[in-house]
């Protein structure tokens, strides 16, 4: 199993942040299925202020490139992503059009 950590910012507006969290209390079934079908075994999202932190645990053969390709071909995923852009904003210096950014691990206590 592999673990990835990603970060993203939300638009700093409390009303929008509340809406975003409401959507994530009842994620569309097709979105959950696309996540599981890609080889993601578990996903958690945490928030402090308008910063999000996501932990993704995957099968060993998981590929972000393949997930991106599959997502681009799924109309329901594209609709979800378009909706989420209302709430999300890329981190400073992110490549254009990219939201979630992979984080580098810099410390592990038991290593």
C-alpha atoms as a PDB file:
ATOM      1  CA  UNK A   1       0.000   0.000   0.000  1.00  0.00           C
ATOM      2  CA  UNK A   2       1.113   3.560  -0.748  1.00  0.00           C
ATOM      3  CA  UNK A   3       0.201   6.788   1.025  1.00  0.00           C
ATOM      4  CA  UNK A   4       0.070  10.231  -0.541  1.00  0.00           C
ATOM      5  CA  UNK A   5      -0.597  13.585   1.091  1.00  0.00           C
ATOM      6  CA  UNK A   6      -1.970  16.500  -0.896  1.00  0.00           C
ATOM      7  CA  UNK A   7      -2.905  20.098  -0.144  1.00  0.00           C
ATOM      8  CA  UNK A   8      -5.362  22.584  -1.586  1.00  0.00           C
ATOM      9  CA  UNK A   9      -6.901  25.872  -0.523  1.00  0.00           C
ATOM     10  CA  UNK A  10     -10.550  26.806  -0.420  1.00  0.00           C
ATOM     11  CA  UNK A  11     -11.888  30.199  -1.345  1.00  0.00           C
ATOM     12  CA  UNK A  12     -11.683  32.085   1.990  1.00  0.00           C
ATOM     13  CA  UNK A  13     -15.431  32.594   2.386  1.00  0.00           C
ATOM     14  CA  UNK A  14     -17.186  30.948   5.350  1.00  0.00           C
ATOM     15  CA  UNK A  15     -20.455  30.457   3.442  1.00  0.00           C
ATOM     16  CA  UNK A  16     -18.664  28.702   0.588  1.00  0.00           C
ATOM     17  CA  UNK A  17     -16.583  26.609   2.994  1.00  0.00           C
ATOM     18  CA  UNK A  18     -19.773  25.463   4.739  1.00  0.00           C
ATOM     19  CA  UNK A  19     -21.304  24.527   1.366  1.00  0.00           C
ATOM     20  CA  UNK A  20     -18.135  22.627   0.420  1.00  0.00           C
ATOM     21  CA  UNK A  21     -18.233  20.639   3.647  1.00  0.00           C
ATOM     22  CA  UNK A  22     -21.926  19.887   3.121  1.00  0.00           C
ATOM     23  CA  UNK A  23     -21.162  18.391  -0.302  1.00  0.00           C
ATOM     24  CA  UNK A  24     -18.535  16.193   1.328  1.00  0.00           C
ATOM     25  CA  UNK A  25     -21.002  14.843   3.877  1.00  0.00           C
ATOM     26  CA  UNK A  26     -22.892  13.225   0.995  1.00  0.00           C
ATOM     27  CA  UNK A  27     -20.456  12.727  -1.892  1.00  0.00           C
ATOM     28  CA  UNK A  28     -22.181  11.537  -5.045  1.00  0.00           C
ATOM     29  CA  UNK A  29     -22.071   7.720  -5.335  1.00  0.00           C
ATOM     30  CA  UNK A  30     -20.483   7.925  -8.808  1.00  0.00           C
ATOM     31  CA  UNK A  31     -17.620   9.965  -7.361  1.00  0.00           C
ATOM     32  CA  UNK A  32     -17.005   7.455  -4.576  1.00  0.00           C
ATOM     33  CA  UNK A  33     -17.078   4.643  -7.153  1.00  0.00           C
ATOM     34  CA  UNK A  34     -14.566   6.415  -9.418  1.00  0.00           C
ATOM     35  CA  UNK A  35     -12.246   6.852  -6.429  1.00  0.00           C
ATOM     36  CA  UNK A  36     -12.465   3.191  -5.428  1.00  0.00           C
ATOM     37  CA  UNK A  37     -12.216   1.943  -9.016  1.00  0.00           C
ATOM     38  CA  UNK A  38      -8.950   3.852  -9.469  1.00  0.00           C
ATOM     39  CA  UNK A  39      -7.189   1.844  -6.760  1.00  0.00           C
ATOM     40  CA  UNK A  40      -7.666   4.301  -3.905  1.00  0.00           C
ATOM     41  CA  UNK A  41      -8.371   2.269  -0.792  1.00  0.00           C
ATOM     42  CA  UNK A  42      -9.018   5.124   1.624  1.00  0.00           C
ATOM     43  CA  UNK A  43      -9.182   8.898   1.500  1.00  0.00           C
ATOM     44  CA  UNK A  44      -9.438  11.453   4.303  1.00  0.00           C
ATOM     45  CA  UNK A  45      -9.686  15.238   4.010  1.00  0.00           C
ATOM     46  CA  UNK A  46      -8.903  17.615   6.881  1.00  0.00           C
ATOM     47  CA  UNK A  47      -9.376  21.381   7.046  1.00  0.00           C
ATOM     48  CA  UNK A  48      -7.866  24.248   9.008  1.00  0.00           C
ATOM     49  CA  UNK A  49      -9.156  27.677   8.050  1.00  0.00           C
ATOM     50  CA  UNK A  50      -9.253  27.516   4.252  1.00  0.00           C
ATOM     51  CA  UNK A  51      -6.402  24.973   3.826  1.00  0.00           C
ATOM     52  CA  UNK A  52      -7.276  21.359   3.026  1.00  0.00           C
ATOM     53  CA  UNK A  53      -5.052  18.345   3.630  1.00  0.00           C
ATOM     54  CA  UNK A  54      -5.890  15.013   1.990  1.00  0.00           C
ATOM     55  CA  UNK A  55      -4.436  11.618   2.840  1.00  0.00           C
ATOM     56  CA  UNK A  56      -4.844   8.977   0.151  1.00  0.00           C
ATOM     57  CA  UNK A  57      -3.984   5.314   0.660  1.00  0.00           C
ATOM     58  CA  UNK A  58      -3.737   3.307  -2.548  1.00  0.00           C
ATOM     59  CA  UNK A  59      -3.008  -0.076  -3.999  1.00  0.00           C
ATOM     60  CA  UNK A  60       0.626  -0.477  -5.028  1.00  0.00           C
ATOM     61  CA  UNK A  61      -0.225  -0.170  -8.731  1.00  0.00           C
ATOM     62  CA  UNK A  62      -2.188   3.103  -8.349  1.00  0.00           C
ATOM     63  CA  UNK A  63      -1.344   5.841 -10.858  1.00  0.00           C
ATOM     64  CA  UNK A  64      -2.370   9.511 -10.632  1.00  0.00           C
ATOM     65  CA  UNK A  65      -1.860   9.720 -14.400  1.00  0.00           C
ATOM     66  CA  UNK A  66      -4.286   6.850 -15.030  1.00  0.00           C
ATOM     67  CA  UNK A  67      -6.808   8.275 -12.547  1.00  0.00           C
ATOM     68  CA  UNK A  68      -6.641  11.641 -14.283  1.00  0.00           C
ATOM     69  CA  UNK A  69      -7.214  10.007 -17.680  1.00  0.00           C
ATOM     70  CA  UNK A  70     -10.167   7.964 -16.419  1.00  0.00           C
ATOM     71  CA  UNK A  71     -11.649  11.007 -14.643  1.00  0.00           C
ATOM     72  CA  UNK A  72     -11.387  13.095 -17.813  1.00  0.00           C
ATOM     73  CA  UNK A  73     -13.529  10.486 -19.603  1.00  0.00           C
ATOM     74  CA  UNK A  74     -16.204  10.349 -16.867  1.00  0.00           C
ATOM     75  CA  UNK A  75     -18.937  13.005 -17.317  1.00  0.00           C
ATOM     76  CA  UNK A  76     -20.116  12.730 -13.684  1.00  0.00           C
ATOM     77  CA  UNK A  77     -16.579  13.255 -12.355  1.00  0.00           C
ATOM     78  CA  UNK A  78     -16.176  16.239 -14.675  1.00  0.00           C
ATOM     79  CA  UNK A  79     -19.450  17.710 -13.389  1.00  0.00           C
ATOM     80  CA  UNK A  80     -18.274  17.227  -9.773  1.00  0.00           C
ATOM     81  CA  UNK A  81     -14.884  18.797 -10.495  1.00  0.00           C
ATOM     82  CA  UNK A  82     -16.503  21.773 -12.204  1.00  0.00           C
ATOM     83  CA  UNK A  83     -18.767  22.248  -9.178  1.00  0.00           C
ATOM     84  CA  UNK A  84     -15.835  21.983  -6.741  1.00  0.00           C
ATOM     85  CA  UNK A  85     -13.917  24.774  -8.548  1.00  0.00           C
ATOM     86  CA  UNK A  86     -16.525  27.153  -7.096  1.00  0.00           C
ATOM     87  CA  UNK A  87     -15.061  26.406  -3.666  1.00  0.00           C
ATOM     88  CA  UNK A  88     -11.445  25.507  -4.384  1.00  0.00           C
ATOM     89  CA  UNK A  89      -8.478  27.624  -5.352  1.00  0.00           C
ATOM     90  CA  UNK A  90      -5.085  26.366  -6.370  1.00  0.00           C
ATOM     91  CA  UNK A  91      -2.150  26.842  -4.048  1.00  0.00           C
ATOM     92  CA  UNK A  92       0.213  29.663  -4.987  1.00  0.00           C
ATOM     93  CA  UNK A  93       2.611  28.626  -7.765  1.00  0.00           C
ATOM     94  CA  UNK A  94       0.488  25.625  -8.802  1.00  0.00           C
ATOM     95  CA  UNK A  95       0.498  24.760 -12.485  1.00  0.00           C
ATOM     96  CA  UNK A  96      -2.473  26.306 -14.289  1.00  0.00           C
ATOM     97  CA  UNK A  97      -5.619  24.222 -13.945  1.00  0.00           C
ATOM     98  CA  UNK A  98      -4.198  21.971 -11.214  1.00  0.00           C
ATOM     99  CA  UNK A  99      -5.767  21.898  -7.780  1.00  0.00           C
ATOM    100  CA  UNK A 100      -4.550  19.276  -5.342  1.00  0.00           C
ATOM    101  CA  UNK A 101      -0.764  19.343  -4.986  1.00  0.00           C
ATOM    102  CA  UNK A 102       1.326  16.420  -3.749  1.00  0.00           C
ATOM    103  CA  UNK A 103       3.244  17.189  -0.572  1.00  0.00           C
ATOM    104  CA  UNK A 104       6.768  15.981   0.216  1.00  0.00           C
ATOM    105  CA  UNK A 105       7.271  13.964   3.379  1.00  0.00           C
ATOM    106  CA  UNK A 106      10.005  15.604   5.437  1.00  0.00           C
ATOM    107  CA  UNK A 107       9.747  13.670   8.716  1.00  0.00           C
ATOM    108  CA  UNK A 108       8.620  10.307  10.064  1.00  0.00           C
ATOM    109  CA  UNK A 109       8.974   9.531  13.766  1.00  0.00           C
ATOM    110  CA  UNK A 110       9.440   5.769  13.438  1.00  0.00           C
ATOM    111  CA  UNK A 111      11.946   5.752  10.633  1.00  0.00           C
END
